[in-house]
Amino acid sequence: MTATLLDGKALAARVRAQARETLAELGVRAGLAVVLVGDDPASRVYVRNKVRACEETGICSELHAFPADAGENEVLERVLALNRDARIHGILVQLPLPAGIDSERVLAAVSPHKDVDGFHVENLGALVAGRAKFVPCTPAGVLRLLQHGNVRIAGRHAVVIGRSTIVGKPAALLLLQRDATVTICHSKTPDLAAHARQADILVAAVGRAKLVTADMVKPGACVIDVGMNRLPDGSLAGDVDFASVKEVAGWITPVPGGVGPMTVAMLMENTVAAARESG
């Protein structure tokens, strides 16, 4: 058996096209501000992809770049200024921030109404209550991929490997709200493989290359790979050993081309939603 590929690149193009149509119907010029601190190569690639997606979607993007030695107060002042800027509907703080800057404090400074990444505690709390305005983009992209692939969620056992507030916890909440039975695993979970083998839907989001191997996957399971790891030879690999797992799983996401494009697409969708709300 070879797994069905969940093509995030193709679906992301459709999401962006729909967002562009919505903007045209609204007659609004949406604005997204990206705050980048430091010169982390991966962060710069991510920001470039987001700026390109804005151009394709019809969103006006602004890059607010700071050197790695920028002070926390300087970054906070810019975020607060963007909160007051009526041209800006969404604010994205690119993570990670350099050492010496309190990420939680910076994220908390973003207006919940412009928090298109869904990281503000107010929006995370609303997600727990089932009333989220902005869902974190990567988990939202995971759910959209599952829905597009006609993967049944209700009544299934979902196992999420990873407990971050960016991916793991929000993904677990979204699956739970769609009537899955959810297990969250992490670095202190004993016998991770035994838990993984119980999953009808397995989400790997820990940042460890090829952690999930074929012997950890139930035959026919849906495997969602959120990881993006740079190998010593410069190539990219996910948290899943794609070559072996695709022969066992029923569905699988590739890396690259799976969850990554959907993360950016959901950012576009959230920004359009913020522009709609502001009008």
Protein backbone atom coordinates (compact mmCIF):
# COMPACT_ATOMS: atom_id res chain seq x y z
CA MET A 1 0.00 0.00 0.00
CA THR A 2 1.24 3.48 -0.86
CA ALA A 3 -0.27 6.41 0.98
CA THR A 4 -2.39 9.08 -0.67
CA LEU A 5 -0.41 12.32 -0.78
CA LEU A 6 -2.04 15.33 0.90
CA ASP A 7 -0.77 18.07 -1.42
CA GLY A 8 -0.49 21.26 0.61
CA LYS A 9 0.98 23.25 -2.23
CA ALA A 10 -2.05 22.80 -4.49
CA LEU A 11 -4.56 23.39 -1.70
CA ALA A 12 -2.69 26.49 -0.53
CA ALA A 13 -3.00 27.99 -4.01
CA ARG A 14 -6.78 27.50 -3.83
CA VAL A 15 -6.96 29.09 -0.37
CA ARG A 16 -4.98 32.12 -1.54
CA ALA A 17 -7.17 32.46 -4.63
CA GLN A 18 -10.30 32.43 -2.46
CA ALA A 19 -8.77 35.03 -0.14
CA ARG A 20 -8.01 37.23 -3.12
CA GLU A 21 -11.62 36.92 -4.34
CA THR A 22 -12.90 37.83 -0.88
CA LEU A 23 -10.74 40.94 -0.79
CA ALA A 24 -12.04 41.98 -4.19
CA GLU A 25 -15.63 41.54 -3.01
CA LEU A 26 -14.94 43.56 0.14
CA GLY A 27 -13.17 46.31 -1.76
CA VAL A 28 -10.56 46.48 1.02
CA ARG A 29 -6.79 46.76 0.73
CA ALA A 30 -5.63 44.45 3.52
CA GLY A 31 -2.32 45.20 5.20
CA LEU A 32 0.06 42.78 6.93
CA ALA A 33 3.09 43.92 8.91
CA VAL A 34 5.91 41.44 9.55
CA VAL A 35 8.31 42.15 12.40
CA LEU A 36 11.67 40.43 11.93
CA VAL A 37 14.49 40.70 14.46
CA GLY A 38 17.95 39.36 13.63
CA ASP A 39 19.37 37.56 10.64
CA ASP A 40 18.34 33.94 11.18
CA PRO A 41 18.49 32.37 7.67
CA ALA A 42 15.42 30.17 8.18
CA SER A 43 13.37 33.13 9.44
CA ARG A 44 14.35 35.16 6.39
CA VAL A 45 13.21 32.35 4.09
CA TYR A 46 9.89 32.11 5.93
CA VAL A 47 9.38 35.88 5.73
CA ARG A 48 10.21 35.91 2.03
CA ASN A 49 7.61 33.21 1.40
CA LYS A 50 5.00 35.18 3.36
CA VAL A 51 5.74 38.38 1.45
CA ARG A 52 5.43 36.52 -1.85
CA ALA A 53 2.11 35.03 -0.76
CA CYS A 54 0.86 38.51 0.12
CA GLU A 55 1.68 39.71 -3.38
CA GLU A 56 -0.20 36.77 -4.91
CA THR A 57 -3.20 37.34 -2.64
CA GLY A 58 -3.44 41.10 -3.08
CA ILE A 59 -2.38 41.94 0.47
CA CYS A 60 -0.08 44.88 1.08
CA SER A 61 2.86 43.67 3.17
CA GLU A 62 5.35 45.69 5.19
CA LEU A 63 8.60 44.28 6.56
CA HIS A 64 9.83 45.86 9.77
CA ALA A 65 13.35 44.47 10.18
CA PHE A 66 15.58 45.01 13.21
CA PRO A 67 19.20 43.97 13.79
CA ALA A 68 19.90 41.08 16.15
CA ASP A 69 21.08 43.48 18.86
CA ALA A 70 17.87 45.53 18.85
CA GLY A 71 16.46 46.25 22.28
CA GLU A 72 13.20 44.74 23.48
CA ASN A 73 11.65 48.16 24.09
CA GLU A 74 12.46 49.22 20.53
CA VAL A 75 10.62 46.20 19.15
CA LEU A 76 7.70 46.73 21.55
CA GLU A 77 7.36 50.36 20.49
CA ARG A 78 7.12 49.32 16.84
CA VAL A 79 4.46 46.72 17.61
CA LEU A 80 2.41 49.26 19.56
CA ALA A 81 2.71 51.74 16.67
CA LEU A 82 1.48 49.07 14.25
CA ASN A 83 -1.49 48.43 16.55
CA ARG A 84 -2.49 52.07 16.03
CA ASP A 85 -1.90 52.05 12.26
CA ALA A 86 -5.27 51.79 10.48
CA ARG A 87 -3.57 50.59 7.28
CA ILE A 88 -2.36 47.45 9.06
CA HIS A 89 -4.90 44.72 9.71
CA GLY A 90 -2.53 41.94 10.73
CA ILE A 91 0.75 41.87 12.66
CA LEU A 92 3.11 38.91 12.53
CA VAL A 93 6.14 38.66 14.81
CA GLN A 94 8.54 36.18 13.21
CA LEU A 95 9.79 33.64 15.74
CA PRO A 96 12.22 32.84 17.22
CA LEU A 97 13.30 36.20 18.58
CA PRO A 98 16.96 36.64 19.62
CA ALA A 99 18.08 35.92 23.15
CA GLY A 100 17.44 38.89 25.39
CA ILE A 101 14.00 39.62 23.98
CA ASP A 102 11.01 38.21 25.84
CA SER A 103 8.91 36.55 23.14
CA GLU A 104 5.86 36.27 25.38
CA ARG A 105 5.95 39.97 26.18
CA VAL A 106 6.26 40.94 22.51
CA LEU A 107 3.46 38.61 21.41
CA ALA A 108 1.25 39.91 24.22
CA ALA A 109 1.77 43.45 22.93
CA VAL A 110 0.13 42.63 19.58
CA SER A 111 -3.52 43.68 19.50
CA PRO A 112 -5.75 40.56 19.67
CA HIS A 113 -7.68 42.09 16.74
CA LYS A 114 -4.51 42.07 14.61
CA ASP A 115 -3.06 38.82 15.93
CA VAL A 116 -3.31 36.91 12.65
CA ASP A 117 -0.84 34.29 13.91
CA GLY A 118 -3.26 33.43 16.72
CA PHE A 119 -0.54 33.49 19.40
CA HIS A 120 -2.00 36.11 21.76
CA VAL A 121 -3.22 34.60 25.04
CA GLU A 122 -6.68 36.07 24.43
CA ASN A 123 -6.98 34.25 21.12
CA LEU A 124 -5.51 31.03 22.54
CA GLY A 125 -8.04 31.21 25.37
CA ALA A 126 -10.84 31.69 22.88
CA LEU A 127 -9.60 28.59 21.05
CA VAL A 128 -9.85 26.57 24.26
CA ALA A 129 -13.44 27.82 24.65
CA GLY A 130 -14.25 26.89 21.05
CA ARG A 131 -14.76 30.52 20.00
CA ALA A 132 -11.48 31.36 18.30
CA LYS A 133 -11.34 34.35 15.98
CA PHE A 134 -7.80 33.61 14.79
CA VAL A 135 -6.55 30.03 14.92
CA PRO A 136 -2.76 29.53 14.81
CA CYS A 137 -1.89 29.09 11.16
CA THR A 138 -0.11 25.75 11.17
CA PRO A 139 -2.81 23.84 13.11
CA ALA A 140 -5.46 25.53 10.97
CA GLY A 141 -3.60 24.33 7.88
CA VAL A 142 -3.44 20.79 9.27
CA LEU A 143 -7.21 20.72 9.77
CA ARG A 144 -7.85 22.11 6.30
CA LEU A 145 -5.65 19.40 4.78
CA LEU A 146 -7.55 16.70 6.67
CA GLN A 147 -10.88 18.09 5.55
CA HIS A 148 -9.77 18.48 1.95
CA GLY A 149 -8.48 14.90 1.93
CA ASN A 150 -11.82 13.61 3.29
CA VAL A 151 -10.04 12.15 6.29
CA ARG A 152 -12.65 11.29 8.91
CA ILE A 153 -11.91 12.93 12.27
CA ALA A 154 -15.02 12.28 14.40
CA GLY A 155 -14.70 9.13 16.45
CA ARG A 156 -11.07 8.56 15.47
CA HIS A 157 -8.03 8.43 17.75
CA ALA A 158 -5.62 11.28 17.06
CA VAL A 159 -2.12 11.32 18.52
CA VAL A 160 -0.22 14.61 18.51
CA ILE A 161 3.53 14.41 19.11
CA GLY A 162 4.49 17.84 20.44
CA ARG A 163 2.94 20.20 22.98
CA SER A 164 3.93 23.70 21.86
CA THR A 165 1.39 26.52 21.97
CA ILE A 166 2.18 27.17 18.31
CA VAL A 167 1.30 23.73 16.93
CA GLY A 168 0.82 20.83 19.34
CA LYS A 169 -1.73 22.15 21.81
CA PRO A 170 -3.85 24.08 19.25
CA ALA A 171 -3.85 21.08 16.88
CA ALA A 172 -5.04 18.84 19.71
CA LEU A 173 -7.82 21.29 20.59
CA LEU A 174 -9.00 21.54 16.98
CA LEU A 175 -9.12 17.77 16.65
CA LEU A 176 -10.93 17.46 19.97
CA GLN A 177 -13.51 20.02 18.86
CA ARG A 178 -14.17 17.83 15.82
CA ASP A 179 -14.91 14.84 18.06
CA ALA A 180 -11.61 13.01 17.86
CA THR A 181 -10.21 11.30 20.95
CA VAL A 182 -6.86 13.00 21.40
CA THR A 183 -3.59 11.91 23.01
CA ILE A 184 -0.74 14.44 23.34
CA CYS A 185 2.79 13.02 23.52
CA HIS A 186 6.04 14.84 24.28
CA SER A 187 9.68 14.35 25.28
CA LYS A 188 8.74 12.79 28.64
CA THR A 189 6.20 10.33 27.20
CA PRO A 190 7.30 6.73 27.88
CA ASP A 191 7.15 4.32 24.93
CA LEU A 192 6.26 6.92 22.31
CA ALA A 193 6.07 4.27 19.60
CA ALA A 194 3.30 2.40 21.41
CA HIS A 195 1.17 5.54 21.59
CA ALA A 196 1.87 6.43 17.96
CA ARG A 197 0.79 2.99 16.76
CA GLN A 198 -2.67 3.57 18.22
CA ALA A 199 -3.28 6.65 16.08
CA ASP A 200 -5.78 6.83 13.25
CA ILE A 201 -4.45 10.38 12.77
CA LEU A 202 -0.83 11.00 13.73
CA VAL A 203 0.51 14.57 13.86
CA ALA A 204 4.29 14.91 14.27
CA ALA A 205 5.39 18.36 15.43
CA VAL A 206 8.58 18.13 17.46
CA GLY A 207 11.39 19.26 15.16
CA ARG A 208 13.36 15.99 15.14
CA ALA A 209 14.22 14.70 11.68
CA LYS A 210 12.69 11.33 10.77
CA LEU A 211 11.57 10.64 14.33
CA VAL A 212 8.46 8.75 13.17
CA THR A 213 9.36 5.50 11.44
CA ALA A 214 7.20 2.93 9.70
CA ASP A 215 7.04 0.63 12.74
CA MET A 216 5.39 3.48 14.70
CA VAL A 217 2.46 3.86 12.29
CA LYS A 218 -0.81 1.95 12.24
CA PRO A 219 -1.51 0.61 8.73
CA GLY A 220 -3.87 2.99 6.94
CA ALA A 221 -3.36 5.88 9.39
CA CYS A 222 -3.24 9.50 8.28
CA VAL A 223 0.22 10.93 9.02
CA ILE A 224 0.66 14.71 9.16
CA ASP A 225 4.28 15.87 9.20
CA VAL A 226 4.69 19.39 10.60
CA GLY A 227 8.47 19.17 10.93
CA MET A 228 10.96 21.05 8.79
CA ASN A 229 14.54 20.04 9.58
CA ARG A 230 17.78 20.86 7.78
CA LEU A 231 19.99 17.79 7.41
CA PRO A 232 23.83 17.95 7.40
CA ASP A 233 23.87 17.69 3.59
CA GLY A 234 21.61 20.76 3.35
CA SER A 235 18.47 18.89 2.33
CA LEU A 236 15.13 19.19 4.14
CA ALA A 237 13.42 16.44 6.08
CA GLY A 238 10.31 16.31 8.18
CA ASP A 239 9.71 14.64 11.53
CA VAL A 240 8.51 11.57 9.60
CA ASP A 241 10.65 9.11 7.66
CA PHE A 242 8.63 9.70 4.51
CA ALA A 243 10.13 6.93 2.36
CA SER A 244 9.22 4.12 4.77
CA VAL A 245 6.04 5.55 6.30
CA LYS A 246 4.33 6.16 2.95
CA GLU A 247 4.29 2.41 2.42
CA VAL A 248 2.26 1.92 5.61
CA ALA A 249 0.06 5.01 5.98
CA GLY A 250 -3.23 5.68 4.26
CA TRP A 251 -2.52 9.40 3.84
CA ILE A 252 0.68 11.40 4.31
CA THR A 253 1.94 14.95 3.88
CA PRO A 254 5.25 15.55 2.09
CA VAL A 255 8.08 17.79 3.27
CA PRO A 256 8.37 20.22 1.64
CA GLY A 257 4.99 20.83 0.02
CA GLY A 258 2.64 19.66 2.74
CA VAL A 259 1.88 21.63 5.88
CA GLY A 260 4.34 24.46 5.13
CA PRO A 261 2.43 26.04 2.23
CA MET A 262 -0.81 25.69 4.18
CA THR A 263 0.64 27.63 7.12
CA VAL A 264 1.29 30.60 4.85
CA ALA A 265 -2.10 30.24 3.15
CA MET A 266 -3.94 30.28 6.48
CA LEU A 267 -2.01 33.42 7.42
CA MET A 268 -3.43 35.04 4.28
CA GLU A 269 -6.93 33.87 5.21
CA ASN A 270 -6.58 35.23 8.76
CA THR A 271 -5.35 38.59 7.43
CA VAL A 272 -8.34 38.86 5.11
CA ALA A 273 -10.63 38.01 8.05
CA ALA A 274 -8.98 40.77 10.11
CA ALA A 275 -9.51 43.25 7.29
CA ARG A 276 -13.16 42.24 7.05
CA GLU A 277 -13.65 42.73 10.80
CA SER A 278 -12.00 46.16 10.71
CA GLY A 279 -14.40 47.39 8.06
